[in-house]
Amino acid sequence: MRQLALPFVETTEFSPADFLDSPANAEARCWLARPAEWPGGRLALWGEAGVGKSHLLHIWARRVGAVVVTGPSLAAPTTSLTTALALDDADLAPAEATLLHLLNAAAEAGRTLLMAGRAPPSRWKVRLPDLASRLTATAAVEVGALEGALLAVLFARLLSARQLVLAPALEAWLLAQLPRHPSALAEAVARLDRAGLASGRPVGRRLALVALDPLLAQEQAAEDDGSATVSLPQRPLL
């Protein structure tokens, strides 16, 4: 029976137990453990989508009792800040003046401010000179992408979150062929979920190849650009 593919709602609560420690995020974890040492009381986490910036931000906020706000919903505080603040997707704040006001309010109140974005604050495209100056002076640490065995753990967790079960050989082959970025793996699992619901049957090799063809082709093209002598198999050897 075919099923309607409803939007999947992430149920993660950003639990510390669910975060994957790795060398790629070790420096960020060290900085988060020492907020008293942040220059000017500010720190920015940056990195590509899906590497765990939001997860780290929420873990830190819960630990220190900070209020979590997202950049797109940012509004200027009308009173003095009384707690530390965590601003996720800070680079997506729609109004530069509001972001500048927030940075100034946190500094005047002596409150710690943690931000997260896809690039270091010094590279955010802003026009207000005062804002650019404050962002450039903000300490920034990169959260790198997971690698190796940790990507396999992430892929398994993403599949489990959607209650998808793949043959072990198919799961391993897909992990080897897909772009090795957390956001790409999340997109792959979403595509597999939609394909399985639409077809009304378990996800097997043929269904997976059709659903993931754009992502597999993207990785194949990247491999071809990197080396003319390397070619990937067209079909999994299952």
Protein backbone atom coordinates (compact mmCIF):
# COMPACT_ATOMS: atom_id res chain seq x y z
CA MET A 1 0.00 0.00 0.00
CA ARG A 2 1.32 3.43 -0.94
CA GLN A 3 1.63 5.95 1.87
CA LEU A 4 1.54 9.73 1.87
CA ALA A 5 5.00 11.13 2.59
CA LEU A 6 4.30 13.69 5.32
CA PRO A 7 7.00 16.14 6.38
CA PHE A 8 9.40 14.48 8.80
CA VAL A 9 9.72 16.34 12.09
CA GLU A 10 13.06 16.03 13.85
CA THR A 11 12.48 14.93 17.44
CA THR A 12 16.04 15.36 18.62
CA GLU A 13 16.46 17.21 21.90
CA PHE A 14 20.17 17.77 21.31
CA SER A 15 21.11 15.35 24.06
CA PRO A 16 24.79 15.24 25.04
CA ALA A 17 24.57 11.45 24.79
CA ASP A 18 23.62 11.74 21.11
CA PHE A 19 26.50 14.01 20.16
CA LEU A 20 29.42 12.38 18.35
CA ASP A 21 32.77 13.53 19.75
CA SER A 22 35.51 13.57 17.13
CA PRO A 23 38.82 15.29 16.37
CA ALA A 24 36.86 17.53 14.00
CA ASN A 25 34.93 19.12 16.88
CA ALA A 26 37.51 18.74 19.67
CA GLU A 27 38.70 22.35 19.52
CA ALA A 28 35.13 23.64 19.65
CA ARG A 29 34.40 21.48 22.69
CA CYS A 30 37.49 22.84 24.44
CA TRP A 31 36.40 26.44 23.81
CA LEU A 32 32.87 25.74 25.03
CA ALA A 33 34.24 24.37 28.28
CA ARG A 34 36.00 27.72 29.00
CA PRO A 35 33.49 30.56 28.43
CA ALA A 36 35.37 32.76 30.92
CA GLU A 37 38.23 32.87 28.40
CA TRP A 38 36.19 34.04 25.41
CA PRO A 39 37.48 37.43 24.25
CA GLY A 40 34.82 40.02 25.01
CA GLY A 41 32.56 37.23 26.25
CA ARG A 42 31.69 36.12 22.69
CA LEU A 43 32.37 32.98 20.68
CA ALA A 44 31.18 31.82 17.27
CA LEU A 45 30.96 28.23 16.05
CA TRP A 46 31.11 27.86 12.30
CA GLY A 47 31.05 25.07 9.74
CA GLU A 48 28.98 23.52 6.99
CA ALA A 49 25.43 22.34 7.51
CA GLY A 50 25.00 19.19 9.54
CA VAL A 51 28.34 19.10 11.36
CA GLY A 52 26.80 19.58 14.82
CA LYS A 53 26.99 23.33 15.45
CA SER A 54 23.39 23.53 16.67
CA HIS A 55 23.85 20.42 18.78
CA LEU A 56 26.90 21.88 20.51
CA LEU A 57 25.14 25.23 20.95
CA HIS A 58 22.12 23.63 22.64
CA ILE A 59 24.28 21.44 24.88
CA TRP A 60 26.22 24.50 26.02
CA ALA A 61 23.04 26.54 26.52
CA ARG A 62 21.49 23.83 28.65
CA ARG A 63 24.66 23.53 30.73
CA VAL A 64 24.98 27.24 31.52
CA GLY A 65 21.28 28.14 31.52
CA ALA A 66 21.46 30.29 28.39
CA VAL A 67 18.46 31.37 26.36
CA VAL A 68 18.47 29.98 22.79
CA VAL A 69 17.37 32.23 19.93
CA THR A 70 17.58 31.75 16.17
CA GLY A 71 18.92 34.40 13.82
CA PRO A 72 15.84 34.56 11.56
CA SER A 73 13.60 35.22 14.60
CA LEU A 74 15.96 37.64 16.31
CA ALA A 75 14.39 40.70 17.91
CA ALA A 76 16.15 43.47 19.78
CA PRO A 77 16.01 43.00 23.56
CA THR A 78 13.86 45.65 25.22
CA THR A 79 15.47 45.21 28.65
CA SER A 80 18.92 44.39 29.96
CA LEU A 81 19.94 40.79 29.36
CA THR A 82 19.78 38.69 32.52
CA THR A 83 21.19 35.40 31.20
CA ALA A 84 23.77 34.12 28.77
CA LEU A 85 22.53 33.90 25.18
CA ALA A 86 22.96 31.34 22.40
CA LEU A 87 22.18 32.59 18.89
CA ASP A 88 21.84 29.80 16.32
CA ASP A 89 21.96 30.62 12.60
CA ALA A 90 23.30 34.01 13.63
CA ASP A 91 24.46 34.71 10.08
CA LEU A 92 20.81 34.60 8.96
CA ALA A 93 19.66 37.45 11.18
CA PRO A 94 17.58 39.67 8.85
CA ALA A 95 18.39 43.05 10.40
CA GLU A 96 21.97 44.14 10.96
CA ALA A 97 20.92 46.84 13.41
CA THR A 98 19.14 44.27 15.57
CA LEU A 99 22.17 41.99 15.64
CA LEU A 100 24.42 44.92 16.52
CA HIS A 101 22.04 45.94 19.31
CA LEU A 102 22.13 42.41 20.69
CA LEU A 103 25.93 42.26 20.69
CA ASN A 104 26.09 45.63 22.43
CA ALA A 105 23.43 44.64 24.98
CA ALA A 106 25.28 41.41 25.84
CA ALA A 107 28.56 43.30 26.28
CA GLU A 108 26.98 46.04 28.42
CA ALA A 109 25.25 43.47 30.65
CA GLY A 110 28.38 41.33 30.90
CA ARG A 111 26.52 38.33 29.48
CA THR A 112 28.19 35.54 27.53
CA LEU A 113 27.09 35.19 23.90
CA LEU A 114 27.55 32.07 21.78
CA MET A 115 26.74 32.27 18.06
CA ALA A 116 26.67 29.69 15.27
CA GLY A 117 26.80 30.16 11.51
CA ARG A 118 28.11 28.63 8.32
CA ALA A 119 31.09 30.97 8.06
CA PRO A 120 33.25 32.79 10.61
CA PRO A 121 31.72 36.14 11.62
CA SER A 122 34.58 38.03 9.96
CA ARG A 123 33.25 36.76 6.62
CA TRP A 124 29.59 37.58 7.13
CA LYS A 125 28.38 40.10 4.58
CA VAL A 126 27.38 43.12 6.66
CA ARG A 127 27.32 46.81 5.82
CA LEU A 128 27.26 48.47 9.24
CA PRO A 129 30.86 49.34 10.15
CA ASP A 130 30.25 48.94 13.89
CA LEU A 131 28.75 45.49 13.37
CA ALA A 132 31.58 44.43 11.07
CA SER A 133 34.09 45.57 13.69
CA ARG A 134 32.45 43.57 16.47
CA LEU A 135 32.08 40.47 14.33
CA THR A 136 35.72 40.62 13.27
CA ALA A 137 36.74 40.84 16.93
CA THR A 138 34.67 37.74 17.81
CA ALA A 139 36.65 34.56 18.45
CA ALA A 140 35.60 31.86 15.99
CA VAL A 141 36.23 28.12 15.98
CA GLU A 142 35.41 25.73 13.17
CA VAL A 143 33.33 22.61 13.72
CA GLY A 144 34.61 20.19 11.09
CA ALA A 145 32.77 17.41 9.34
CA LEU A 146 32.76 13.89 10.72
CA GLU A 147 34.98 11.36 9.02
CA GLY A 148 35.49 7.63 8.74
CA ALA A 149 33.67 5.42 11.23
CA LEU A 150 31.78 8.35 12.74
CA LEU A 151 30.04 8.98 9.43
CA ALA A 152 28.82 5.39 9.53
CA VAL A 153 27.46 5.97 13.05
CA LEU A 154 25.70 9.14 11.88
CA PHE A 155 24.22 7.38 8.84
CA ALA A 156 22.90 4.58 11.05
CA ARG A 157 21.37 7.08 13.45
CA LEU A 158 19.67 8.98 10.64
CA LEU A 159 18.19 5.76 9.29
CA SER A 160 17.04 4.70 12.75
CA ALA A 161 15.36 8.07 13.37
CA ARG A 162 13.10 7.38 10.38
CA GLN A 163 12.76 3.68 11.19
CA LEU A 164 14.41 2.72 7.92
CA VAL A 165 16.07 -0.68 7.71
CA LEU A 166 18.52 -1.37 4.88
CA ALA A 167 20.42 -4.53 4.12
CA PRO A 168 23.85 -4.16 5.76
CA ALA A 169 25.64 -4.52 2.41
CA LEU A 170 23.43 -1.84 0.82
CA GLU A 171 23.91 0.52 3.77
CA ALA A 172 27.70 0.11 3.59
CA TRP A 173 27.78 0.60 -0.18
CA LEU A 174 25.63 3.73 -0.05
CA LEU A 175 27.81 5.21 2.68
CA ALA A 176 30.87 4.64 0.49
CA GLN A 177 29.28 6.17 -2.63
CA LEU A 178 27.36 9.15 -1.25
CA PRO A 179 29.01 12.55 -0.69
CA ARG A 180 30.80 12.29 2.62
CA HIS A 181 29.09 15.23 4.30
CA PRO A 182 26.53 15.06 7.13
CA SER A 183 24.05 17.23 5.22
CA ALA A 184 24.29 14.95 2.17
CA LEU A 185 23.67 11.88 4.31
CA ALA A 186 20.64 13.54 5.88
CA GLU A 187 19.30 14.38 2.42
CA ALA A 188 19.92 10.80 1.26
CA VAL A 189 18.00 9.34 4.19
CA ALA A 190 15.12 11.76 3.58
CA ARG A 191 14.98 10.69 -0.08
CA LEU A 192 15.02 7.01 0.89
CA ASP A 193 12.23 7.59 3.39
CA ARG A 194 10.04 9.36 0.83
CA ALA A 195 10.72 6.68 -1.78
CA GLY A 196 9.85 3.87 0.62
CA LEU A 197 6.62 5.53 1.74
CA ALA A 198 5.59 6.29 -1.83
CA SER A 199 6.25 2.74 -3.04
CA GLY A 200 4.78 1.00 -0.02
CA ARG A 201 7.62 -1.50 0.18
CA PRO A 202 10.97 -1.83 1.96
CA VAL A 203 13.89 0.10 0.49
CA GLY A 204 16.04 -2.23 -1.60
CA ARG A 205 18.82 -1.78 -4.10
CA ARG A 206 16.73 -0.70 -7.10
CA LEU A 207 14.58 1.74 -5.14
CA ALA A 208 17.66 3.23 -3.44
CA LEU A 209 19.48 3.74 -6.75
CA VAL A 210 16.50 5.56 -8.25
CA ALA A 211 15.89 7.71 -5.16
CA LEU A 212 19.54 8.65 -4.73
CA ASP A 213 20.56 8.98 -8.36
CA PRO A 214 21.15 12.78 -8.17
CA LEU A 215 23.35 12.45 -5.06
CA LEU A 216 25.27 9.48 -6.45
CA ALA A 217 25.80 11.31 -9.73
CA GLN A 218 27.04 14.35 -7.81
CA GLU A 219 29.66 12.28 -6.01
CA GLN A 220 30.63 10.52 -9.24
CA ALA A 221 31.18 13.88 -10.91
CA ALA A 222 33.32 15.03 -8.00
CA GLU A 223 35.42 11.90 -8.25
CA ASP A 224 35.81 12.34 -12.01
CA ASP A 225 36.97 15.93 -11.51
CA GLY A 226 39.49 14.83 -8.95
CA SER A 227 41.05 12.00 -10.88
CA ALA A 228 40.62 10.81 -14.45
CA THR A 229 41.92 7.37 -13.52
CA VAL A 230 39.39 6.55 -10.80
CA SER A 231 35.98 5.12 -11.65
CA LEU A 232 33.26 3.88 -9.33
CA PRO A 233 31.17 0.78 -10.01
CA GLN A 234 27.86 1.52 -11.64
CA ARG A 235 25.97 -0.98 -9.48
CA PRO A 236 26.57 -2.27 -5.97
CA LEU A 237 27.98 -5.74 -5.77
CA LEU A 238 25.33 -7.15 -3.47
